[in-house]
């Protein structure tokens, strides 16, 4: 458990002004986005404010409890998209508790143009729930030293007590998935994965260990749709010749993506090959055939993230790693061999 003390960050507008040799009014204008301040001076003042810890003091005093959901590499606007359940669950938990929640799509270009703490200070956000960030993102480095309360979904930062993690028990999920496949008679399986997010690496390793008495293969999937389709085209015949009978994907997105490709090649699911995913989003329930998957609860993720952000803001105790349980949901994409 970690506790952050409210009195740890004592910088004021006067402190910033004295350090830079400018007036309090100039500092106040820069912090509030006044148009009569040059961008060079505004940037200097914001950087100094972040460096001196003014970020937190300001947010503790503000009356509006303003949070943001930072979204990258994740579709969230339609009910069938995986991010929809997470974003909706977070807002359903946060807004009745008095928080104003804003969703902010993030690009790599934006991350390279401004530091994370400066971005949060400019927008008056007291904390963030970050979704879909990859290990290569510039802000993943910023999260290691940031002074802003932040909860990451499915990415770990273990060096900063102000950055927490909420995710699911991937080891339990892998044991459930592999036990299910073994019970159905599978001895050879393919793991569809990427190398962009911490949780994917954990699921890959968990799957390999859980399938210790079987034979496993691994495909590292390219990031863009065009590259994925080319990859599938180049490799699927080799997969069929290897007599693999089951495919596990580290997310429902990859599972459904590959299932659609196979069906386009007149390969039947589950008669010719069987597929299991991880997430249980709406698309997995509505696909044809419906997708067997590892279920994770959106409301539990949202509740844990909100409670953690509130505790960080208030100086209360909180866990920097929150791991939630999972369940196996069997549907039409797997069956007894």
C-alpha atoms as a PDB file:
ATOM      1  CA  UNK A   1       0.000   0.000   0.000  1.00  0.00           C
ATOM      2  CA  UNK A   2       1.147   3.543  -0.799  1.00  0.00           C
ATOM      3  CA  UNK A   3       0.144   6.841   0.765  1.00  0.00           C
ATOM      4  CA  UNK A   4       0.949  10.244  -0.759  1.00  0.00           C
ATOM      5  CA  UNK A   5       1.069  13.153   1.670  1.00  0.00           C
ATOM      6  CA  UNK A   6      -0.842  16.292   0.746  1.00  0.00           C
ATOM      7  CA  UNK A   7       1.851  18.542   2.119  1.00  0.00           C
ATOM      8  CA  UNK A   8       4.606  17.118  -0.041  1.00  0.00           C
ATOM      9  CA  UNK A   9       4.046  19.627  -2.854  1.00  0.00           C
ATOM     10  CA  UNK A  10       4.096  23.238  -1.636  1.00  0.00           C
ATOM     11  CA  UNK A  11       4.990  25.315  -4.702  1.00  0.00           C
ATOM     12  CA  UNK A  12       2.853  28.422  -5.242  1.00  0.00           C
ATOM     13  CA  UNK A  13       2.449  30.912  -8.077  1.00  0.00           C
ATOM     14  CA  UNK A  14       4.752  33.237  -6.118  1.00  0.00           C
ATOM     15  CA  UNK A  15       7.434  30.522  -5.921  1.00  0.00           C
ATOM     16  CA  UNK A  16       7.307  30.057  -9.690  1.00  0.00           C
ATOM     17  CA  UNK A  17       7.375  33.803 -10.312  1.00  0.00           C
ATOM     18  CA  UNK A  18      10.381  34.335  -8.050  1.00  0.00           C
ATOM     19  CA  UNK A  19      12.308  31.481  -9.633  1.00  0.00           C
ATOM     20  CA  UNK A  20      11.764  32.852 -13.149  1.00  0.00           C
ATOM     21  CA  UNK A  21      11.970  36.548 -12.261  1.00  0.00           C
ATOM     22  CA  UNK A  22       8.495  37.386 -13.568  1.00  0.00           C
ATOM     23  CA  UNK A  23       5.325  38.689 -11.935  1.00  0.00           C
ATOM     24  CA  UNK A  24       2.648  36.540 -10.296  1.00  0.00           C
ATOM     25  CA  UNK A  25       0.198  37.865 -12.874  1.00  0.00           C
ATOM     26  CA  UNK A  26       2.369  36.615 -15.719  1.00  0.00           C
ATOM     27  CA  UNK A  27       2.548  33.157 -14.153  1.00  0.00           C
ATOM     28  CA  UNK A  28      -1.211  33.113 -13.592  1.00  0.00           C
ATOM     29  CA  UNK A  29      -1.874  34.130 -17.205  1.00  0.00           C
ATOM     30  CA  UNK A  30       0.428  31.411 -18.526  1.00  0.00           C
ATOM     31  CA  UNK A  31      -1.216  28.752 -16.371  1.00  0.00           C
ATOM     32  CA  UNK A  32      -4.684  29.810 -17.478  1.00  0.00           C
ATOM     33  CA  UNK A  33      -3.958  30.057 -21.209  1.00  0.00           C
ATOM     34  CA  UNK A  34      -4.178  33.838 -21.601  1.00  0.00           C
ATOM     35  CA  UNK A  35      -3.510  34.901 -25.223  1.00  0.00           C
ATOM     36  CA  UNK A  36      -1.149  37.793 -24.366  1.00  0.00           C
ATOM     37  CA  UNK A  37       1.681  35.485 -23.244  1.00  0.00           C
ATOM     38  CA  UNK A  38       4.232  34.266 -25.765  1.00  0.00           C
ATOM     39  CA  UNK A  39       4.388  30.519 -26.391  1.00  0.00           C
ATOM     40  CA  UNK A  40       8.046  30.466 -25.374  1.00  0.00           C
ATOM     41  CA  UNK A  41       7.338  32.063 -21.979  1.00  0.00           C
ATOM     42  CA  UNK A  42       4.203  29.950 -21.462  1.00  0.00           C
ATOM     43  CA  UNK A  43       6.207  26.799 -22.085  1.00  0.00           C
ATOM     44  CA  UNK A  44       8.921  27.892 -19.648  1.00  0.00           C
ATOM     45  CA  UNK A  45       6.372  28.676 -16.931  1.00  0.00           C
ATOM     46  CA  UNK A  46       4.513  25.399 -17.410  1.00  0.00           C
ATOM     47  CA  UNK A  47       7.738  23.406 -17.312  1.00  0.00           C
ATOM     48  CA  UNK A  48       8.794  25.183 -14.130  1.00  0.00           C
ATOM     49  CA  UNK A  49       5.381  24.652 -12.536  1.00  0.00           C
ATOM     50  CA  UNK A  50       5.571  20.930 -13.231  1.00  0.00           C
ATOM     51  CA  UNK A  51       9.164  20.737 -11.997  1.00  0.00           C
ATOM     52  CA  UNK A  52       8.273  22.493  -8.704  1.00  0.00           C
ATOM     53  CA  UNK A  53       5.212  20.333  -8.021  1.00  0.00           C
ATOM     54  CA  UNK A  54       2.669  23.088  -8.556  1.00  0.00           C
ATOM     55  CA  UNK A  55       0.607  20.659 -10.632  1.00  0.00           C
ATOM     56  CA  UNK A  56      -0.747  18.847  -7.617  1.00  0.00           C
ATOM     57  CA  UNK A  57      -1.244  21.799  -5.332  1.00  0.00           C
ATOM     58  CA  UNK A  58      -3.378  23.477  -7.982  1.00  0.00           C
ATOM     59  CA  UNK A  59      -5.566  20.418  -8.476  1.00  0.00           C
ATOM     60  CA  UNK A  60      -6.093  19.934  -4.762  1.00  0.00           C
ATOM     61  CA  UNK A  61      -7.541  23.458  -4.566  1.00  0.00           C
ATOM     62  CA  UNK A  62      -9.785  23.377  -7.616  1.00  0.00           C
ATOM     63  CA  UNK A  63     -13.464  22.701  -7.047  1.00  0.00           C
ATOM     64  CA  UNK A  64     -14.202  20.863 -10.308  1.00  0.00           C
ATOM     65  CA  UNK A  65     -13.140  17.231 -10.118  1.00  0.00           C
ATOM     66  CA  UNK A  66     -11.979  16.870 -13.681  1.00  0.00           C
ATOM     67  CA  UNK A  67     -10.642  13.544 -14.966  1.00  0.00           C
ATOM     68  CA  UNK A  68      -9.683  12.417 -18.437  1.00  0.00           C
ATOM     69  CA  UNK A  69      -9.607   9.119 -20.245  1.00  0.00           C
ATOM     70  CA  UNK A  70      -6.576   9.080 -22.523  1.00  0.00           C
ATOM     71  CA  UNK A  71      -7.180   6.715 -25.439  1.00  0.00           C
ATOM     72  CA  UNK A  72      -4.691   5.463 -28.004  1.00  0.00           C
ATOM     73  CA  UNK A  73      -4.769   2.461 -30.356  1.00  0.00           C
ATOM     74  CA  UNK A  74      -8.225   1.576 -29.093  1.00  0.00           C
ATOM     75  CA  UNK A  75     -11.652   1.916 -30.701  1.00  0.00           C
ATOM     76  CA  UNK A  76     -14.292   2.967 -28.176  1.00  0.00           C
ATOM     77  CA  UNK A  77     -17.147   4.837 -29.874  1.00  0.00           C
ATOM     78  CA  UNK A  78     -19.353   1.897 -30.941  1.00  0.00           C
ATOM     79  CA  UNK A  79     -20.885  -0.754 -28.625  1.00  0.00           C
ATOM     80  CA  UNK A  80     -19.154  -3.634 -30.448  1.00  0.00           C
ATOM     81  CA  UNK A  81     -15.687  -2.143 -29.865  1.00  0.00           C
ATOM     82  CA  UNK A  82     -13.591  -3.306 -26.916  1.00  0.00           C
ATOM     83  CA  UNK A  83     -12.835   0.189 -25.612  1.00  0.00           C
ATOM     84  CA  UNK A  84     -16.547   1.062 -25.484  1.00  0.00           C
ATOM     85  CA  UNK A  85     -17.190  -1.094 -22.400  1.00  0.00           C
ATOM     86  CA  UNK A  86     -14.173   0.315 -20.567  1.00  0.00           C
ATOM     87  CA  UNK A  87     -14.926   3.974 -21.330  1.00  0.00           C
ATOM     88  CA  UNK A  88     -18.643   3.598 -20.611  1.00  0.00           C
ATOM     89  CA  UNK A  89     -17.986   1.741 -17.356  1.00  0.00           C
ATOM     90  CA  UNK A  90     -15.532   4.412 -16.190  1.00  0.00           C
ATOM     91  CA  UNK A  91     -17.944   7.255 -16.913  1.00  0.00           C
ATOM     92  CA  UNK A  92     -20.845   5.415 -15.268  1.00  0.00           C
ATOM     93  CA  UNK A  93     -18.798   5.099 -12.085  1.00  0.00           C
ATOM     94  CA  UNK A  94     -17.133   8.533 -12.139  1.00  0.00           C
ATOM     95  CA  UNK A  95     -19.871  10.976 -13.116  1.00  0.00           C
ATOM     96  CA  UNK A  96     -22.393  10.047 -10.360  1.00  0.00           C
ATOM     97  CA  UNK A  97     -19.505  10.547  -7.897  1.00  0.00           C
ATOM     98  CA  UNK A  98     -19.177  14.166  -9.026  1.00  0.00           C
ATOM     99  CA  UNK A  99     -16.348  13.857 -11.547  1.00  0.00           C
ATOM    100  CA  UNK A 100     -16.330  15.587 -14.901  1.00  0.00           C
ATOM    101  CA  UNK A 101     -14.902  13.057 -17.367  1.00  0.00           C
ATOM    102  CA  UNK A 102     -13.445  14.026 -20.730  1.00  0.00           C
ATOM    103  CA  UNK A 103     -12.220  11.556 -23.362  1.00  0.00           C
ATOM    104  CA  UNK A 104      -9.049  12.650 -25.123  1.00  0.00           C
ATOM    105  CA  UNK A 105      -7.690  10.659 -28.101  1.00  0.00           C
ATOM    106  CA  UNK A 106      -3.876  10.662 -27.955  1.00  0.00           C
ATOM    107  CA  UNK A 107      -1.392  10.405 -30.818  1.00  0.00           C
ATOM    108  CA  UNK A 108       2.325   9.807 -30.828  1.00  0.00           C
ATOM    109  CA  UNK A 109       2.775  13.230 -32.436  1.00  0.00           C
ATOM    110  CA  UNK A 110       1.034  14.910 -29.496  1.00  0.00           C
ATOM    111  CA  UNK A 111       3.146  12.971 -26.995  1.00  0.00           C
ATOM    112  CA  UNK A 112       6.322  14.158 -28.672  1.00  0.00           C
ATOM    113  CA  UNK A 113       5.158  17.779 -28.678  1.00  0.00           C
ATOM    114  CA  UNK A 114       4.457  18.131 -24.940  1.00  0.00           C
ATOM    115  CA  UNK A 115       5.331  16.293 -21.747  1.00  0.00           C
ATOM    116  CA  UNK A 116       2.588  14.376 -19.959  1.00  0.00           C
ATOM    117  CA  UNK A 117       2.565  16.546 -16.817  1.00  0.00           C
ATOM    118  CA  UNK A 118       2.476  19.730 -18.899  1.00  0.00           C
ATOM    119  CA  UNK A 119      -0.464  18.386 -20.912  1.00  0.00           C
ATOM    120  CA  UNK A 120      -2.380  17.541 -17.736  1.00  0.00           C
ATOM    121  CA  UNK A 121      -1.633  20.935 -16.193  1.00  0.00           C
ATOM    122  CA  UNK A 122      -2.746  22.820 -19.301  1.00  0.00           C
ATOM    123  CA  UNK A 123      -6.108  21.044 -19.285  1.00  0.00           C
ATOM    124  CA  UNK A 124      -6.641  21.169 -15.500  1.00  0.00           C
ATOM    125  CA  UNK A 125      -7.023  17.392 -15.224  1.00  0.00           C
ATOM    126  CA  UNK A 126      -6.496  16.079 -11.697  1.00  0.00           C
ATOM    127  CA  UNK A 127      -5.875  12.546 -12.965  1.00  0.00           C
ATOM    128  CA  UNK A 128      -6.118  10.205 -15.920  1.00  0.00           C
ATOM    129  CA  UNK A 129      -7.117   6.685 -16.876  1.00  0.00           C
ATOM    130  CA  UNK A 130      -4.799   5.732 -19.766  1.00  0.00           C
ATOM    131  CA  UNK A 131      -5.961   3.093 -22.264  1.00  0.00           C
ATOM    132  CA  UNK A 132      -4.218   1.466 -25.205  1.00  0.00           C
ATOM    133  CA  UNK A 133      -0.713   2.864 -24.731  1.00  0.00           C
ATOM    134  CA  UNK A 134       2.152   0.810 -26.119  1.00  0.00           C
ATOM    135  CA  UNK A 135       5.583   0.206 -24.641  1.00  0.00           C
ATOM    136  CA  UNK A 136       7.118   2.425 -27.335  1.00  0.00           C
ATOM    137  CA  UNK A 137       4.965   5.497 -26.595  1.00  0.00           C
ATOM    138  CA  UNK A 138       6.866   8.632 -25.436  1.00  0.00           C
ATOM    139  CA  UNK A 139       4.561   9.140 -22.446  1.00  0.00           C
ATOM    140  CA  UNK A 140       5.370   5.661 -21.152  1.00  0.00           C
ATOM    141  CA  UNK A 141       8.736   7.192 -20.189  1.00  0.00           C
ATOM    142  CA  UNK A 142       6.993  10.232 -18.670  1.00  0.00           C
ATOM    143  CA  UNK A 143       4.758   7.981 -16.559  1.00  0.00           C
ATOM    144  CA  UNK A 144       7.844   6.718 -14.731  1.00  0.00           C
ATOM    145  CA  UNK A 145       8.464  10.124 -13.117  1.00  0.00           C
ATOM    146  CA  UNK A 146       5.142  11.932 -13.485  1.00  0.00           C
ATOM    147  CA  UNK A 147       3.649  13.831 -10.531  1.00  0.00           C
ATOM    148  CA  UNK A 148       0.109  13.464 -11.910  1.00  0.00           C
ATOM    149  CA  UNK A 149      -2.184  10.723 -10.512  1.00  0.00           C
ATOM    150  CA  UNK A 150      -2.493   8.197 -13.327  1.00  0.00           C
ATOM    151  CA  UNK A 151      -3.991   4.735 -13.675  1.00  0.00           C
ATOM    152  CA  UNK A 152      -2.792   2.633 -16.605  1.00  0.00           C
ATOM    153  CA  UNK A 153      -4.894  -0.141 -18.058  1.00  0.00           C
ATOM    154  CA  UNK A 154      -2.860  -3.276 -18.813  1.00  0.00           C
ATOM    155  CA  UNK A 155       0.537  -1.574 -18.630  1.00  0.00           C
ATOM    156  CA  UNK A 156       2.870  -1.584 -15.646  1.00  0.00           C
ATOM    157  CA  UNK A 157       4.984   1.253 -14.245  1.00  0.00           C
ATOM    158  CA  UNK A 158       6.536  -0.063 -11.042  1.00  0.00           C
ATOM    159  CA  UNK A 159       8.958   2.801 -10.358  1.00  0.00           C
ATOM    160  CA  UNK A 160       6.443   5.594  -9.674  1.00  0.00           C
ATOM    161  CA  UNK A 161       3.959   5.508  -6.756  1.00  0.00           C
ATOM    162  CA  UNK A 162       1.820   8.121  -8.541  1.00  0.00           C
ATOM    163  CA  UNK A 163       1.231   5.765 -11.466  1.00  0.00           C
ATOM    164  CA  UNK A 164      -0.952   2.747 -10.707  1.00  0.00           C
ATOM    165  CA  UNK A 165      -2.022  -0.265 -12.753  1.00  0.00           C
ATOM    166  CA  UNK A 166      -5.399  -1.936 -13.091  1.00  0.00           C
ATOM    167  CA  UNK A 167      -5.754  -5.152 -15.045  1.00  0.00           C
ATOM    168  CA  UNK A 168      -6.852  -8.740 -14.832  1.00  0.00           C
ATOM    169  CA  UNK A 169      -5.263 -11.948 -13.605  1.00  0.00           C
ATOM    170  CA  UNK A 170      -3.621 -13.030 -16.843  1.00  0.00           C
ATOM    171  CA  UNK A 171      -2.164 -16.202 -15.340  1.00  0.00           C
ATOM    172  CA  UNK A 172      -5.604 -17.319 -14.200  1.00  0.00           C
ATOM    173  CA  UNK A 173      -6.977 -16.472 -17.632  1.00  0.00           C
ATOM    174  CA  UNK A 174      -4.322 -18.542 -19.368  1.00  0.00           C
ATOM    175  CA  UNK A 175      -4.942 -21.515 -17.090  1.00  0.00           C
ATOM    176  CA  UNK A 176      -8.667 -21.336 -17.845  1.00  0.00           C
ATOM    177  CA  UNK A 177      -8.091 -21.058 -21.597  1.00  0.00           C
ATOM    178  CA  UNK A 178      -5.567 -23.892 -21.763  1.00  0.00           C
ATOM    179  CA  UNK A 179      -7.577 -26.176 -19.460  1.00  0.00           C
ATOM    180  CA  UNK A 180     -10.569 -25.643 -21.722  1.00  0.00           C
ATOM    181  CA  UNK A 181      -8.592 -26.530 -24.857  1.00  0.00           C
ATOM    182  CA  UNK A 182      -7.078 -29.624 -23.248  1.00  0.00           C
ATOM    183  CA  UNK A 183     -10.501 -30.833 -22.112  1.00  0.00           C
ATOM    184  CA  UNK A 184     -11.676 -30.532 -25.711  1.00  0.00           C
ATOM    185  CA  UNK A 185      -8.764 -32.711 -26.879  1.00  0.00           C
ATOM    186  CA  UNK A 186      -6.371 -30.115 -28.342  1.00  0.00           C
ATOM    187  CA  UNK A 187      -2.643 -30.890 -28.307  1.00  0.00           C
ATOM    188  CA  UNK A 188      -1.327 -28.299 -30.767  1.00  0.00           C
ATOM    189  CA  UNK A 189      -2.197 -24.616 -30.482  1.00  0.00           C
ATOM    190  CA  UNK A 190      -1.164 -21.300 -31.990  1.00  0.00           C
ATOM    191  CA  UNK A 191      -0.857 -18.105 -29.924  1.00  0.00           C
ATOM    192  CA  UNK A 192      -1.740 -14.877 -31.785  1.00  0.00           C
ATOM    193  CA  UNK A 193      -0.027 -11.954 -30.081  1.00  0.00           C
ATOM    194  CA  UNK A 194       1.709  -8.633 -30.528  1.00  0.00           C
ATOM    195  CA  UNK A 195       4.665  -7.008 -28.835  1.00  0.00           C
ATOM    196  CA  UNK A 196       3.165  -3.616 -28.016  1.00  0.00           C
ATOM    197  CA  UNK A 197       1.535  -3.910 -24.577  1.00  0.00           C
ATOM    198  CA  UNK A 198       2.756  -5.358 -21.264  1.00  0.00           C
ATOM    199  CA  UNK A 199      -0.294  -7.545 -20.724  1.00  0.00           C
ATOM    200  CA  UNK A 200       0.161  -9.236 -24.104  1.00  0.00           C
ATOM    201  CA  UNK A 201       3.657 -10.392 -23.141  1.00  0.00           C
ATOM    202  CA  UNK A 202       2.275 -11.733 -19.859  1.00  0.00           C
ATOM    203  CA  UNK A 203      -0.498 -13.632 -21.639  1.00  0.00           C
ATOM    204  CA  UNK A 204       1.946 -15.117 -24.147  1.00  0.00           C
ATOM    205  CA  UNK A 205       4.201 -16.428 -21.401  1.00  0.00           C
ATOM    206  CA  UNK A 206       1.247 -17.675 -19.349  1.00  0.00           C
ATOM    207  CA  UNK A 207      -0.160 -19.537 -22.328  1.00  0.00           C
ATOM    208  CA  UNK A 208       3.186 -21.189 -23.082  1.00  0.00           C
ATOM    209  CA  UNK A 209       3.622 -22.359 -19.476  1.00  0.00           C
ATOM    210  CA  UNK A 210       0.045 -23.596 -19.119  1.00  0.00           C
ATOM    211  CA  UNK A 211       0.346 -25.657 -22.313  1.00  0.00           C
ATOM    212  CA  UNK A 212       3.446 -27.419 -20.976  1.00  0.00           C
ATOM    213  CA  UNK A 213       2.504 -30.905 -22.223  1.00  0.00           C
ATOM    214  CA  UNK A 214       1.320 -29.783 -25.632  1.00  0.00           C
ATOM    215  CA  UNK A 215       2.875 -28.155 -28.663  1.00  0.00           C
ATOM    216  CA  UNK A 216       2.548 -24.400 -29.103  1.00  0.00           C
ATOM    217  CA  UNK A 217       3.393 -21.992 -31.881  1.00  0.00           C
ATOM    218  CA  UNK A 218       3.449 -18.196 -31.757  1.00  0.00           C
ATOM    219  CA  UNK A 219       2.722 -15.536 -34.337  1.00  0.00           C
ATOM    220  CA  UNK A 220       3.673 -11.929 -33.615  1.00  0.00           C
ATOM    221  CA  UNK A 221       1.006  -9.939 -35.409  1.00  0.00           C
ATOM    222  CA  UNK A 222       1.824  -6.675 -37.249  1.00  0.00           C
ATOM    223  CA  UNK A 223       0.107  -3.543 -36.031  1.00  0.00           C
ATOM    224  CA  UNK A 224      -1.719  -2.230 -39.123  1.00  0.00           C
ATOM    225  CA  UNK A 225      -4.641  -3.980 -40.822  1.00  0.00           C
ATOM    226  CA  UNK A 226      -2.887  -4.066 -44.204  1.00  0.00           C
ATOM    227  CA  UNK A 227       0.216  -5.690 -42.695  1.00  0.00           C
ATOM    228  CA  UNK A 228      -1.911  -8.199 -40.749  1.00  0.00           C
ATOM    229  CA  UNK A 229      -3.803  -9.333 -43.842  1.00  0.00           C
ATOM    230  CA  UNK A 230      -0.540  -9.825 -45.716  1.00  0.00           C
ATOM    231  CA  UNK A 231       0.889 -11.732 -42.753  1.00  0.00           C
ATOM    232  CA  UNK A 232      -2.144 -14.024 -42.550  1.00  0.00           C
ATOM    233  CA  UNK A 233      -1.994 -14.630 -46.307  1.00  0.00           C
ATOM    234  CA  UNK A 234       1.675 -15.597 -46.147  1.00  0.00           C
ATOM    235  CA  UNK A 235       1.345 -17.951 -43.165  1.00  0.00           C
ATOM    236  CA  UNK A 236      -2.081 -19.567 -42.916  1.00  0.00           C
ATOM    237  CA  UNK A 237      -1.328 -22.526 -45.208  1.00  0.00           C
ATOM    238  CA  UNK A 238       1.706 -23.421 -43.099  1.00  0.00           C
ATOM    239  CA  UNK A 239      -0.553 -23.297 -40.030  1.00  0.00           C
ATOM    240  CA  UNK A 240      -3.000 -25.756 -41.569  1.00  0.00           C
ATOM    241  CA  UNK A 241      -0.188 -28.121 -42.593  1.00  0.00           C
ATOM    242  CA  UNK A 242       1.154 -28.131 -39.013  1.00  0.00           C
ATOM    243  CA  UNK A 243      -2.091 -29.772 -37.827  1.00  0.00           C
ATOM    244  CA  UNK A 244      -2.744 -27.039 -35.264  1.00  0.00           C
ATOM    245  CA  UNK A 245      -6.324 -27.472 -34.094  1.00  0.00           C
ATOM    246  CA  UNK A 246      -6.777 -24.397 -31.881  1.00  0.00           C
ATOM    247  CA  UNK A 247      -5.834 -20.722 -31.930  1.00  0.00           C
ATOM    248  CA  UNK A 248      -5.595 -18.596 -28.804  1.00  0.00           C
ATOM    249  CA  UNK A 249      -5.487 -14.809 -29.331  1.00  0.00           C
ATOM    250  CA  UNK A 250      -4.358 -12.360 -26.642  1.00  0.00           C
ATOM    251  CA  UNK A 251      -7.446 -10.253 -27.389  1.00  0.00           C
ATOM    252  CA  UNK A 252     -10.878 -10.713 -28.924  1.00  0.00           C
ATOM    253  CA  UNK A 253      -9.851  -8.207 -31.581  1.00  0.00           C
ATOM    254  CA  UNK A 254      -7.124 -10.481 -32.935  1.00  0.00           C
ATOM    255  CA  UNK A 255      -9.302 -13.576 -32.531  1.00  0.00           C
ATOM    256  CA  UNK A 256     -12.164 -12.086 -34.554  1.00  0.00           C
ATOM    257  CA  UNK A 257      -9.769 -10.531 -37.066  1.00  0.00           C
ATOM    258  CA  UNK A 258      -8.155 -13.898 -37.809  1.00  0.00           C
ATOM    259  CA  UNK A 259     -11.476 -15.750 -37.757  1.00  0.00           C
ATOM    260  CA  UNK A 260     -12.853 -13.404 -40.423  1.00  0.00           C
ATOM    261  CA  UNK A 261      -9.751 -13.998 -42.562  1.00  0.00           C
ATOM    262  CA  UNK A 262     -10.053 -17.794 -42.256  1.00  0.00           C
ATOM    263  CA  UNK A 263     -13.740 -17.727 -43.132  1.00  0.00           C
ATOM    264  CA  UNK A 264     -12.831 -15.751 -46.251  1.00  0.00           C
ATOM    265  CA  UNK A 265     -10.656 -18.754 -47.204  1.00  0.00           C
ATOM    266  CA  UNK A 266     -13.614 -21.143 -46.663  1.00  0.00           C
ATOM    267  CA  UNK A 267     -12.024 -22.525 -43.486  1.00  0.00           C
ATOM    268  CA  UNK A 268     -14.793 -23.463 -41.069  1.00  0.00           C
ATOM    269  CA  UNK A 269     -14.901 -22.445 -37.397  1.00  0.00           C
ATOM    270  CA  UNK A 270     -15.024 -24.641 -35.293  1.00  0.00           C
ATOM    271  CA  UNK A 271     -15.095 -27.656 -37.670  1.00  0.00           C
ATOM    272  CA  UNK A 272     -11.659 -27.061 -39.245  1.00  0.00           C
ATOM    273  CA  UNK A 273      -9.989 -25.006 -36.536  1.00  0.00           C
ATOM    274  CA  UNK A 274     -11.120 -23.582 -33.203  1.00  0.00           C
ATOM    275  CA  UNK A 275     -10.509 -20.111 -31.747  1.00  0.00           C
ATOM    276  CA  UNK A 276     -10.520 -18.615 -28.258  1.00  0.00           C
ATOM    277  CA  UNK A 277     -10.024 -14.941 -27.344  1.00  0.00           C
ATOM    278  CA  UNK A 278      -9.522 -12.747 -24.302  1.00  0.00           C
ATOM    279  CA  UNK A 279     -11.745  -9.790 -23.223  1.00  0.00           C
ATOM    280  CA  UNK A 280     -15.393 -10.710 -23.912  1.00  0.00           C
ATOM    281  CA  UNK A 281     -16.491  -7.555 -25.672  1.00  0.00           C
ATOM    282  CA  UNK A 282     -19.829  -7.245 -27.420  1.00  0.00           C
ATOM    283  CA  UNK A 283     -18.383  -8.183 -30.805  1.00  0.00           C
ATOM    284  CA  UNK A 284     -17.318 -11.576 -29.447  1.00  0.00           C
ATOM    285  CA  UNK A 285     -20.904 -12.287 -28.374  1.00  0.00           C
ATOM    286  CA  UNK A 286     -22.392 -11.250 -31.723  1.00  0.00           C
ATOM    287  CA  UNK A 287     -19.876 -12.830 -34.109  1.00  0.00           C
ATOM    288  CA  UNK A 288     -20.768 -15.854 -36.237  1.00  0.00           C
ATOM    289  CA  UNK A 289     -19.845 -18.197 -34.721  1.00  0.00           C
ATOM    290  CA  UNK A 290     -19.869 -16.524 -31.321  1.00  0.00           C
ATOM    291  CA  UNK A 291     -16.413 -16.435 -29.729  1.00  0.00           C
ATOM    292  CA  UNK A 292     -15.254 -18.467 -26.746  1.00  0.00           C
ATOM    293  CA  UNK A 293     -13.263 -16.041 -24.619  1.00  0.00           C
ATOM    294  CA  UNK A 294     -11.911 -15.033 -21.225  1.00  0.00           C
ATOM    295  CA  UNK A 295     -14.343 -12.593 -19.623  1.00  0.00           C
ATOM    296  CA  UNK A 296     -13.221  -9.502 -17.700  1.00  0.00           C
ATOM    297  CA  UNK A 297     -15.659  -7.176 -15.954  1.00  0.00           C
ATOM    298  CA  UNK A 298     -15.700  -3.571 -17.208  1.00  0.00           C
ATOM    299  CA  UNK A 299     -17.388  -2.135 -14.114  1.00  0.00           C
ATOM    300  CA  UNK A 300     -14.785  -3.655 -11.794  1.00  0.00           C
ATOM    301  CA  UNK A 301     -11.985  -2.098 -13.845  1.00  0.00           C
ATOM    302  CA  UNK A 302     -13.714   1.281 -13.779  1.00  0.00           C
ATOM    303  CA  UNK A 303     -14.463   1.148 -10.050  1.00  0.00           C
ATOM    304  CA  UNK A 304     -10.863   0.229  -9.220  1.00  0.00           C
ATOM    305  CA  UNK A 305      -9.476   3.034 -11.394  1.00  0.00           C
ATOM    306  CA  UNK A 306     -11.779   5.684  -9.888  1.00  0.00           C
ATOM    307  CA  UNK A 307     -11.034   4.636  -6.318  1.00  0.00           C
ATOM    308  CA  UNK A 308      -7.310   4.657  -6.990  1.00  0.00           C
ATOM    309  CA  UNK A 309      -7.366   8.136  -8.553  1.00  0.00           C
ATOM    310  CA  UNK A 310      -9.419   9.509  -5.662  1.00  0.00           C
ATOM    311  CA  UNK A 311      -7.032   8.015  -3.112  1.00  0.00           C
ATOM    312  CA  UNK A 312      -4.003   9.487  -4.883  1.00  0.00           C
ATOM    313  CA  UNK A 313      -5.623  12.909  -4.946  1.00  0.00           C
ATOM    314  CA  UNK A 314      -6.685  12.787  -1.279  1.00  0.00           C
ATOM    315  CA  UNK A 315      -3.467  11.337   0.134  1.00  0.00           C
ATOM    316  CA  UNK A 316      -5.188   8.106   1.202  1.00  0.00           C
ATOM    317  CA  UNK A 317      -3.702   4.620   0.978  1.00  0.00           C
ATOM    318  CA  UNK A 318      -4.063   2.743  -2.292  1.00  0.00           C
ATOM    319  CA  UNK A 319      -2.609  -0.189  -4.198  1.00  0.00           C
ATOM    320  CA  UNK A 320      -0.325   0.535  -7.143  1.00  0.00           C
ATOM    321  CA  UNK A 321      -1.272  -2.812  -8.738  1.00  0.00           C
ATOM    322  CA  UNK A 322      -4.902  -3.922  -8.866  1.00  0.00           C
ATOM    323  CA  UNK A 323      -5.494  -7.365 -10.371  1.00  0.00           C
ATOM    324  CA  UNK A 324      -9.079  -8.460 -11.054  1.00  0.00           C
ATOM    325  CA  UNK A 325     -10.496 -11.990 -11.538  1.00  0.00           C
ATOM    326  CA  UNK A 326     -11.570 -13.500 -14.877  1.00  0.00           C
ATOM    327  CA  UNK A 327     -13.929 -16.232 -16.117  1.00  0.00           C
ATOM    328  CA  UNK A 328     -14.097 -18.503 -19.153  1.00  0.00           C
ATOM    329  CA  UNK A 329     -17.140 -18.060 -21.402  1.00  0.00           C
ATOM    330  CA  UNK A 330     -17.588 -20.991 -23.795  1.00  0.00           C
ATOM    331  CA  UNK A 331     -19.421 -20.219 -27.010  1.00  0.00           C
ATOM    332  CA  UNK A 332     -19.585 -21.644 -30.539  1.00  0.00           C
ATOM    333  CA  UNK A 333     -15.970 -21.190 -31.688  1.00  0.00           C
ATOM    334  CA  UNK A 334     -14.733 -24.162 -29.581  1.00  0.00           C
ATOM    335  CA  UNK A 335     -16.121 -27.646 -29.104  1.00  0.00           C
ATOM    336  CA  UNK A 336     -15.043 -31.245 -28.417  1.00  0.00           C
ATOM    337  CA  UNK A 337     -12.737 -32.562 -31.121  1.00  0.00           C
END
